[in-house]
Every structure is written in C-alpha cells, then in structure tokens.
N, C-alpha and C. Protein backbone atom coordinates (compact mmCIF):
# COMPACT_ATOMS: atom_id res chain seq x y z
N MET A 1 167.42 -50.51 9.42
CA MET A 1 166.04 -50.33 9.82
C MET A 1 165.15 -50.06 8.61
N ARG A 2 165.64 -49.24 7.67
CA ARG A 2 164.87 -48.92 6.48
C ARG A 2 164.59 -50.18 5.67
N LYS A 3 165.57 -51.13 5.59
CA LYS A 3 165.37 -52.38 4.86
C LYS A 3 164.25 -53.21 5.50
N ILE A 4 164.24 -53.25 6.83
CA ILE A 4 163.21 -54.03 7.52
C ILE A 4 161.83 -53.44 7.24
N ILE A 5 161.68 -52.14 7.35
CA ILE A 5 160.39 -51.50 7.09
C ILE A 5 159.97 -51.69 5.65
N SER A 6 160.91 -51.54 4.70
CA SER A 6 160.58 -51.76 3.29
C SER A 6 160.12 -53.18 3.05
N GLY A 7 160.80 -54.12 3.70
CA GLY A 7 160.43 -55.54 3.56
C GLY A 7 159.05 -55.80 4.11
N LEU A 8 158.72 -55.19 5.25
CA LEU A 8 157.39 -55.36 5.84
C LEU A 8 156.30 -54.77 4.95
N VAL A 9 156.57 -53.61 4.40
CA VAL A 9 155.60 -52.97 3.50
C VAL A 9 155.38 -53.84 2.27
N PHE A 10 156.45 -54.36 1.69
CA PHE A 10 156.35 -55.22 0.50
C PHE A 10 155.58 -56.49 0.85
N SER A 11 155.90 -57.12 1.99
CA SER A 11 155.22 -58.35 2.39
C SER A 11 153.73 -58.11 2.60
N SER A 12 153.40 -57.00 3.26
CA SER A 12 151.99 -56.67 3.50
C SER A 12 151.26 -56.42 2.19
N ALA A 13 151.91 -55.73 1.26
CA ALA A 13 151.30 -55.45 -0.04
C ALA A 13 151.08 -56.74 -0.80
N LEU A 14 152.02 -57.67 -0.73
CA LEU A 14 151.91 -58.95 -1.41
C LEU A 14 150.74 -59.76 -0.85
N ILE A 15 150.61 -59.80 0.46
CA ILE A 15 149.51 -60.53 1.09
C ILE A 15 148.18 -59.90 0.69
N PHE A 16 148.09 -58.59 0.71
CA PHE A 16 146.87 -57.90 0.33
C PHE A 16 146.51 -58.19 -1.12
N THR A 17 147.49 -58.20 -2.00
CA THR A 17 147.25 -58.45 -3.42
C THR A 17 146.70 -59.86 -3.63
N VAL A 18 147.29 -60.85 -2.96
CA VAL A 18 146.82 -62.22 -3.10
C VAL A 18 145.39 -62.33 -2.56
N SER A 19 145.13 -61.73 -1.39
CA SER A 19 143.78 -61.78 -0.80
C SER A 19 142.77 -61.05 -1.66
N ALA A 20 143.18 -59.93 -2.23
CA ALA A 20 142.26 -59.13 -3.04
C ALA A 20 141.83 -59.87 -4.30
N ASN A 21 142.65 -60.78 -4.79
CA ASN A 21 142.34 -61.51 -6.01
C ASN A 21 141.50 -62.76 -5.76
N ALA A 22 141.35 -63.16 -4.50
CA ALA A 22 140.56 -64.35 -4.17
C ALA A 22 139.07 -64.01 -4.27
N THR A 23 138.30 -65.00 -4.69
CA THR A 23 136.85 -64.85 -4.83
C THR A 23 136.17 -65.77 -3.83
N GLU A 24 135.05 -65.31 -3.28
CA GLU A 24 134.24 -66.18 -2.43
C GLU A 24 133.06 -66.67 -3.26
N HIS A 25 132.95 -67.99 -3.36
CA HIS A 25 131.83 -68.63 -4.07
C HIS A 25 130.85 -69.13 -3.01
N VAL A 26 129.59 -68.85 -3.18
CA VAL A 26 128.57 -69.26 -2.22
C VAL A 26 127.76 -70.42 -2.80
N ILE A 27 127.67 -71.49 -2.04
CA ILE A 27 126.88 -72.66 -2.41
C ILE A 27 125.82 -72.86 -1.33
N LYS A 28 124.56 -72.82 -1.72
CA LYS A 28 123.47 -73.00 -0.76
C LYS A 28 123.12 -74.49 -0.63
N MET A 29 122.82 -74.88 0.59
CA MET A 29 122.33 -76.23 0.87
C MET A 29 120.81 -76.10 0.99
N LEU A 30 120.08 -76.76 0.06
CA LEU A 30 118.64 -76.54 -0.07
C LEU A 30 117.83 -77.83 -0.05
N ASP A 31 116.61 -77.72 0.47
CA ASP A 31 115.66 -78.83 0.37
C ASP A 31 115.15 -78.96 -1.06
N THR A 32 114.90 -77.80 -1.72
CA THR A 32 114.41 -77.78 -3.10
C THR A 32 115.13 -76.68 -3.86
N GLY A 33 115.69 -77.04 -5.01
CA GLY A 33 116.41 -76.07 -5.83
C GLY A 33 115.50 -75.31 -6.76
N ALA A 34 116.05 -74.33 -7.43
CA ALA A 34 115.30 -73.51 -8.38
C ALA A 34 114.72 -74.36 -9.52
N ASP A 35 115.39 -75.49 -9.83
CA ASP A 35 114.93 -76.36 -10.91
C ASP A 35 113.86 -77.36 -10.45
N GLY A 36 113.50 -77.32 -9.15
CA GLY A 36 112.49 -78.22 -8.63
C GLY A 36 113.04 -79.51 -8.05
N ASN A 37 114.33 -79.78 -8.27
CA ASN A 37 114.93 -80.98 -7.70
C ASN A 37 115.04 -80.83 -6.19
N ILE A 38 114.88 -81.95 -5.48
CA ILE A 38 114.99 -81.92 -4.02
C ILE A 38 116.40 -82.28 -3.58
N MET A 39 116.76 -81.82 -2.38
CA MET A 39 118.03 -82.10 -1.74
C MET A 39 119.19 -81.79 -2.68
N VAL A 40 119.49 -80.48 -2.79
CA VAL A 40 120.51 -80.03 -3.74
C VAL A 40 121.45 -79.00 -3.12
N PHE A 41 122.61 -78.91 -3.72
CA PHE A 41 123.52 -77.80 -3.51
C PHE A 41 123.30 -76.87 -4.70
N GLU A 42 123.25 -75.58 -4.45
CA GLU A 42 123.01 -74.65 -5.55
C GLU A 42 123.99 -73.49 -5.48
N PRO A 43 124.87 -73.34 -6.46
CA PRO A 43 125.01 -74.18 -7.65
C PRO A 43 125.71 -75.49 -7.31
N PRO A 44 125.46 -76.54 -8.08
CA PRO A 44 126.07 -77.84 -7.80
C PRO A 44 127.48 -77.98 -8.36
N PHE A 45 127.85 -77.09 -9.27
CA PHE A 45 129.19 -77.09 -9.87
C PHE A 45 129.75 -75.68 -9.79
N VAL A 46 130.97 -75.59 -9.28
CA VAL A 46 131.65 -74.29 -9.18
C VAL A 46 133.04 -74.44 -9.77
N LYS A 47 133.42 -73.48 -10.61
CA LYS A 47 134.78 -73.42 -11.12
C LYS A 47 135.47 -72.27 -10.39
N ALA A 48 136.52 -72.61 -9.66
CA ALA A 48 137.21 -71.64 -8.82
C ALA A 48 138.68 -71.58 -9.18
N LYS A 49 139.34 -70.61 -8.60
CA LYS A 49 140.79 -70.46 -8.76
C LYS A 49 141.47 -70.83 -7.45
N LYS A 50 142.69 -71.24 -7.56
CA LYS A 50 143.49 -71.57 -6.39
C LYS A 50 143.50 -70.36 -5.44
N GLY A 51 143.17 -70.60 -4.16
CA GLY A 51 143.13 -69.54 -3.17
C GLY A 51 141.75 -68.97 -2.93
N ASP A 52 140.77 -69.33 -3.79
CA ASP A 52 139.39 -68.87 -3.58
C ASP A 52 138.79 -69.55 -2.36
N THR A 53 137.71 -68.98 -1.85
CA THR A 53 136.99 -69.61 -0.76
C THR A 53 135.63 -70.07 -1.26
N ILE A 54 135.17 -71.14 -0.65
CA ILE A 54 133.85 -71.70 -0.95
C ILE A 54 133.08 -71.62 0.36
N LYS A 55 131.96 -70.92 0.34
CA LYS A 55 131.12 -70.82 1.53
C LYS A 55 129.85 -71.61 1.31
N PHE A 56 129.70 -72.67 2.10
CA PHE A 56 128.48 -73.48 2.07
C PHE A 56 127.51 -72.85 3.07
N VAL A 57 126.35 -72.43 2.58
CA VAL A 57 125.37 -71.73 3.41
C VAL A 57 124.19 -72.66 3.68
N ALA A 58 123.87 -72.82 4.95
CA ALA A 58 122.74 -73.66 5.36
C ALA A 58 121.45 -72.87 5.17
N ALA A 59 121.07 -72.68 3.91
CA ALA A 59 119.85 -71.93 3.59
C ALA A 59 118.62 -72.66 4.14
N ASP A 60 118.64 -73.96 4.08
CA ASP A 60 117.61 -74.80 4.71
C ASP A 60 118.32 -75.65 5.76
N SER A 61 117.71 -75.82 6.90
CA SER A 61 118.35 -76.59 7.98
C SER A 61 118.31 -78.09 7.67
N GLY A 62 119.16 -78.82 8.38
CA GLY A 62 119.16 -80.27 8.25
C GLY A 62 120.14 -80.80 7.22
N HIS A 63 121.08 -79.96 6.76
CA HIS A 63 122.08 -80.40 5.78
C HIS A 63 123.48 -80.12 6.30
N ASN A 64 124.43 -80.87 5.80
CA ASN A 64 125.84 -80.60 6.04
C ASN A 64 126.59 -80.78 4.73
N ASN A 65 127.88 -80.66 4.77
CA ASN A 65 128.70 -80.94 3.58
C ASN A 65 129.99 -81.56 4.05
N ILE A 66 130.42 -82.54 3.30
CA ILE A 66 131.62 -83.29 3.64
C ILE A 66 132.35 -83.63 2.35
N SER A 67 133.66 -83.45 2.36
CA SER A 67 134.44 -83.79 1.17
C SER A 67 134.49 -85.30 1.03
N ARG A 68 134.42 -85.76 -0.22
CA ARG A 68 134.54 -87.19 -0.50
C ARG A 68 135.72 -87.51 -1.40
N HIS A 69 136.23 -86.50 -2.08
CA HIS A 69 137.44 -86.68 -2.89
C HIS A 69 138.05 -85.30 -3.09
N VAL A 70 139.33 -85.18 -2.80
CA VAL A 70 140.04 -83.91 -2.99
C VAL A 70 141.36 -84.18 -3.70
N PRO A 71 141.91 -83.18 -4.37
CA PRO A 71 143.21 -83.37 -5.03
C PRO A 71 144.30 -83.67 -4.00
N GLU A 72 145.35 -84.29 -4.46
CA GLU A 72 146.49 -84.60 -3.59
C GLU A 72 147.01 -83.31 -2.95
N GLY A 73 147.19 -83.34 -1.64
CA GLY A 73 147.70 -82.18 -0.91
C GLY A 73 146.61 -81.26 -0.38
N ALA A 74 145.37 -81.45 -0.83
CA ALA A 74 144.25 -80.62 -0.37
C ALA A 74 143.72 -81.16 0.96
N LYS A 75 143.08 -80.28 1.72
CA LYS A 75 142.52 -80.66 3.01
C LYS A 75 141.07 -81.12 2.85
N ASN A 76 140.74 -82.21 3.53
CA ASN A 76 139.35 -82.65 3.60
C ASN A 76 138.60 -81.76 4.58
N TRP A 77 137.29 -81.75 4.49
CA TRP A 77 136.48 -80.98 5.43
C TRP A 77 135.21 -81.73 5.76
N LYS A 78 134.63 -81.39 6.90
CA LYS A 78 133.33 -81.92 7.29
C LYS A 78 132.60 -80.83 8.06
N GLY A 79 131.53 -80.33 7.46
CA GLY A 79 130.72 -79.30 8.10
C GLY A 79 129.69 -79.92 9.03
N GLU A 80 129.29 -79.17 10.02
CA GLU A 80 128.26 -79.63 10.95
C GLU A 80 126.87 -79.40 10.35
N VAL A 81 125.92 -80.19 10.79
CA VAL A 81 124.55 -80.09 10.31
C VAL A 81 123.97 -78.71 10.66
N SER A 82 123.34 -78.10 9.67
CA SER A 82 122.67 -76.80 9.78
C SER A 82 123.61 -75.64 10.10
N HIS A 83 124.88 -75.78 9.75
CA HIS A 83 125.86 -74.71 9.97
C HIS A 83 126.54 -74.34 8.65
N ASP A 84 126.80 -73.05 8.49
CA ASP A 84 127.61 -72.59 7.35
C ASP A 84 129.04 -73.05 7.56
N VAL A 85 129.73 -73.28 6.48
CA VAL A 85 131.14 -73.66 6.56
C VAL A 85 131.85 -72.99 5.40
N THR A 86 133.06 -72.50 5.65
CA THR A 86 133.86 -71.88 4.60
C THR A 86 135.18 -72.61 4.50
N ILE A 87 135.55 -72.96 3.27
CA ILE A 87 136.83 -73.62 3.02
C ILE A 87 137.61 -72.78 2.01
N THR A 88 138.92 -72.94 2.03
CA THR A 88 139.77 -72.33 1.02
C THR A 88 140.32 -73.46 0.15
N VAL A 89 140.21 -73.31 -1.16
CA VAL A 89 140.71 -74.34 -2.07
C VAL A 89 142.11 -73.93 -2.52
N ASP A 90 143.10 -74.64 -2.00
CA ASP A 90 144.50 -74.28 -2.22
C ASP A 90 145.21 -75.18 -3.23
N GLU A 91 144.56 -76.23 -3.67
CA GLU A 91 145.19 -77.16 -4.62
C GLU A 91 144.33 -77.25 -5.88
N GLU A 92 144.99 -77.30 -7.03
CA GLU A 92 144.26 -77.47 -8.29
C GLU A 92 143.73 -78.89 -8.40
N GLY A 93 142.57 -79.00 -9.03
CA GLY A 93 141.99 -80.30 -9.26
C GLY A 93 140.49 -80.30 -9.03
N VAL A 94 139.95 -81.51 -8.94
CA VAL A 94 138.51 -81.70 -8.79
C VAL A 94 138.22 -82.16 -7.36
N TYR A 95 137.25 -81.49 -6.75
CA TYR A 95 136.79 -81.80 -5.39
C TYR A 95 135.36 -82.32 -5.50
N LEU A 96 135.07 -83.43 -4.83
CA LEU A 96 133.71 -83.97 -4.76
C LEU A 96 133.22 -83.84 -3.32
N TYR A 97 131.96 -83.47 -3.16
CA TYR A 97 131.42 -83.35 -1.80
C TYR A 97 129.96 -83.79 -1.79
N GLU A 98 129.43 -83.98 -0.60
CA GLU A 98 128.06 -84.45 -0.43
C GLU A 98 127.50 -83.94 0.88
N CYS A 99 126.20 -84.02 1.01
CA CYS A 99 125.52 -83.94 2.29
C CYS A 99 125.39 -85.40 2.71
N ASP A 100 126.10 -85.81 3.75
CA ASP A 100 126.07 -87.24 4.06
C ASP A 100 124.72 -87.70 4.61
N LEU A 101 123.87 -86.77 4.99
CA LEU A 101 122.52 -87.13 5.43
C LEU A 101 121.58 -87.39 4.25
N HIS A 102 121.87 -86.78 3.10
CA HIS A 102 120.98 -86.89 1.93
C HIS A 102 121.70 -87.34 0.66
N LYS A 103 122.86 -87.94 0.82
CA LYS A 103 123.58 -88.45 -0.35
C LYS A 103 122.72 -89.46 -1.11
N PHE A 104 121.99 -90.29 -0.38
CA PHE A 104 121.17 -91.32 -1.02
C PHE A 104 120.09 -90.72 -1.92
N LEU A 105 119.83 -89.39 -1.76
CA LEU A 105 118.87 -88.69 -2.62
C LEU A 105 119.57 -87.84 -3.69
N GLY A 106 120.87 -88.02 -3.80
CA GLY A 106 121.62 -87.33 -4.85
C GLY A 106 122.14 -85.96 -4.47
N MET A 107 122.27 -85.68 -3.17
CA MET A 107 122.76 -84.36 -2.74
C MET A 107 124.28 -84.36 -2.75
N VAL A 108 124.83 -84.05 -3.94
CA VAL A 108 126.27 -84.07 -4.18
C VAL A 108 126.65 -82.84 -4.99
N GLY A 109 127.94 -82.56 -5.05
CA GLY A 109 128.41 -81.44 -5.84
C GLY A 109 129.87 -81.57 -6.22
N VAL A 110 130.31 -80.70 -7.13
CA VAL A 110 131.66 -80.74 -7.68
C VAL A 110 132.24 -79.32 -7.70
N ILE A 111 133.50 -79.22 -7.32
CA ILE A 111 134.26 -77.98 -7.43
C ILE A 111 135.48 -78.28 -8.29
N GLN A 112 135.71 -77.45 -9.29
CA GLN A 112 136.94 -77.55 -10.09
C GLN A 112 137.79 -76.34 -9.76
N VAL A 113 139.03 -76.60 -9.40
CA VAL A 113 139.98 -75.53 -9.10
C VAL A 113 141.10 -75.61 -10.13
N GLY A 114 141.18 -74.58 -10.97
CA GLY A 114 142.23 -74.56 -11.99
C GLY A 114 142.14 -75.77 -12.90
N GLU A 115 143.30 -76.34 -13.20
CA GLU A 115 143.38 -77.51 -14.08
C GLU A 115 142.87 -78.76 -13.35
N ALA A 116 142.10 -79.57 -14.04
CA ALA A 116 141.51 -80.79 -13.46
C ALA A 116 142.51 -81.93 -13.49
N LYS A 117 143.59 -81.78 -12.75
CA LYS A 117 144.70 -82.75 -12.78
C LYS A 117 144.28 -84.15 -12.33
N ASN A 118 143.28 -84.25 -11.49
CA ASN A 118 142.88 -85.53 -10.91
C ASN A 118 141.52 -86.01 -11.42
N LEU A 119 141.17 -85.62 -12.62
CA LEU A 119 139.83 -85.93 -13.14
C LEU A 119 139.56 -87.44 -13.18
N ALA A 120 140.50 -88.23 -13.63
CA ALA A 120 140.29 -89.68 -13.70
C ALA A 120 140.03 -90.25 -12.31
N ALA A 121 140.80 -89.83 -11.34
CA ALA A 121 140.61 -90.29 -9.96
C ALA A 121 139.28 -89.80 -9.40
N ALA A 122 138.89 -88.58 -9.75
CA ALA A 122 137.61 -88.03 -9.29
C ALA A 122 136.45 -88.83 -9.87
N LYS A 123 136.55 -89.20 -11.13
CA LYS A 123 135.49 -90.00 -11.75
C LYS A 123 135.37 -91.37 -11.08
N ALA A 124 136.50 -91.97 -10.74
CA ALA A 124 136.48 -93.26 -10.04
C ALA A 124 135.87 -93.10 -8.65
N ALA A 125 136.22 -92.03 -7.97
CA ALA A 125 135.65 -91.76 -6.65
C ALA A 125 134.15 -91.49 -6.75
N ALA A 126 133.73 -90.83 -7.83
CA ALA A 126 132.31 -90.53 -8.03
C ALA A 126 131.48 -91.81 -8.13
N ASP A 127 132.06 -92.84 -8.75
CA ASP A 127 131.35 -94.11 -8.85
C ASP A 127 131.06 -94.67 -7.46
N LYS A 128 132.02 -94.53 -6.54
CA LYS A 128 131.84 -95.01 -5.17
C LYS A 128 130.82 -94.14 -4.43
N VAL A 129 130.88 -92.83 -4.64
CA VAL A 129 129.96 -91.91 -3.97
C VAL A 129 128.52 -92.19 -4.40
N THR A 130 128.30 -92.46 -5.66
CA THR A 130 126.93 -92.63 -6.18
C THR A 130 126.38 -94.05 -6.01
N ALA A 131 127.24 -95.00 -5.67
CA ALA A 131 126.78 -96.38 -5.49
C ALA A 131 125.72 -96.43 -4.38
N GLY A 132 124.62 -97.04 -4.67
CA GLY A 132 123.57 -97.21 -3.67
C GLY A 132 122.62 -96.04 -3.50
N MET A 133 122.75 -95.01 -4.34
CA MET A 133 121.82 -93.89 -4.23
C MET A 133 120.43 -94.33 -4.66
N ALA A 134 119.42 -93.88 -3.92
CA ALA A 134 118.03 -94.21 -4.25
C ALA A 134 117.55 -93.39 -5.44
N MET A 135 118.09 -92.16 -5.57
CA MET A 135 117.73 -91.30 -6.69
C MET A 135 118.84 -90.26 -6.87
N GLY A 136 118.87 -89.63 -8.02
CA GLY A 136 119.82 -88.55 -8.27
C GLY A 136 121.24 -88.97 -8.57
N ALA A 137 121.47 -90.26 -8.79
CA ALA A 137 122.83 -90.73 -9.05
C ALA A 137 123.42 -90.11 -10.32
N GLU A 138 122.55 -89.74 -11.25
CA GLU A 138 123.02 -89.15 -12.51
C GLU A 138 123.56 -87.73 -12.30
N ARG A 139 123.24 -87.12 -11.19
CA ARG A 139 123.68 -85.74 -10.95
C ARG A 139 125.20 -85.62 -10.93
N MET A 140 125.88 -86.52 -10.25
CA MET A 140 127.33 -86.44 -10.15
C MET A 140 127.97 -86.50 -11.53
N ALA A 141 127.52 -87.42 -12.38
CA ALA A 141 128.06 -87.53 -13.74
C ALA A 141 127.80 -86.25 -14.53
N GLU A 142 126.63 -85.67 -14.35
CA GLU A 142 126.29 -84.43 -15.06
C GLU A 142 127.20 -83.29 -14.60
N TYR A 143 127.43 -83.19 -13.29
CA TYR A 143 128.29 -82.12 -12.78
C TYR A 143 129.74 -82.34 -13.23
N LEU A 144 130.20 -83.58 -13.24
CA LEU A 144 131.55 -83.87 -13.70
C LEU A 144 131.71 -83.57 -15.19
N SER A 145 130.62 -83.66 -15.96
CA SER A 145 130.71 -83.36 -17.39
C SER A 145 131.02 -81.87 -17.63
N ARG A 146 130.81 -81.04 -16.63
CA ARG A 146 131.10 -79.61 -16.75
C ARG A 146 132.57 -79.28 -16.55
N VAL A 147 133.34 -80.24 -16.04
CA VAL A 147 134.77 -80.03 -15.80
C VAL A 147 135.47 -79.91 -17.14
N LYS A 148 136.19 -78.83 -17.32
CA LYS A 148 136.93 -78.61 -18.58
C LYS A 148 138.38 -78.29 -18.28
C-alpha cells in the first residue's frame, strides 16, 4: 500500500512540475495592430516551448484562426469566428496559421516551438499560403525570418 501511495504522490508531483513549467502565450486577433497594419495577429510571431499553450483571443470580432502547416505529429486546429481558442503545442517545429476570412489581406502568423526541424517545409507551405494575397504577402516571410 505504501508503494502505491508513494507512486501516486510522485506521479502527481511530476504532472504538477510539467504543468508549472508551461507558459501561456496570448495572441490577439485584431482589425488594426499597434503598428497601424490592418487584419493582424498580435504578436504575429511567438517562440514557445514544447507543452506551452497558445491562446488566440478574439479581441476584435469577425476573425478566426486555422492551422495551415504544423510539424509532423502535431494536431491541426480550426477556431470558430469571434471565439477564443487555446491550443497546446506538443511538437517541436514551425507552425503556420491564418484567419481564413482575412488571409487575402495578410492575416497570418508563425509559432516556433523549440528547434525549427521543419523550417524548409514551413517555407514551402508559406508560399502556398501567401499565393493570391491582395496585400500583406510579405508578412509571412518577415515572420519566418524570425525563426532561429
């Protein structure tokens, strides 16, 4: 019985330690950013650690967020319009996302989790994401340039 209780205490402590080290990153979905650009995620680039959460906040209504490229083994997501969404990033690599309602205006963003193992694939995917944008196509390349 003592072994079972000790094991439960250790397991609970381990879970708490992992959770305590996770960070929540907040990304706002905005009509106009602090820099004056329209239809933006702010911040548009986030560097996170494996196990962190990303909370997309519908600061302005009429936006959503949807993954367009994720590392192998990572889960895709699609948020509803005008709703907050929280994801956990469990795989290292580069994640690309967009507001599919305003992608044509350059409403895109990048998350780097740990090592950018899939950077080449992310850059190729970015070319597809930005194809046909009416404006803001340079944003994705600028955000990807921050990946280190």
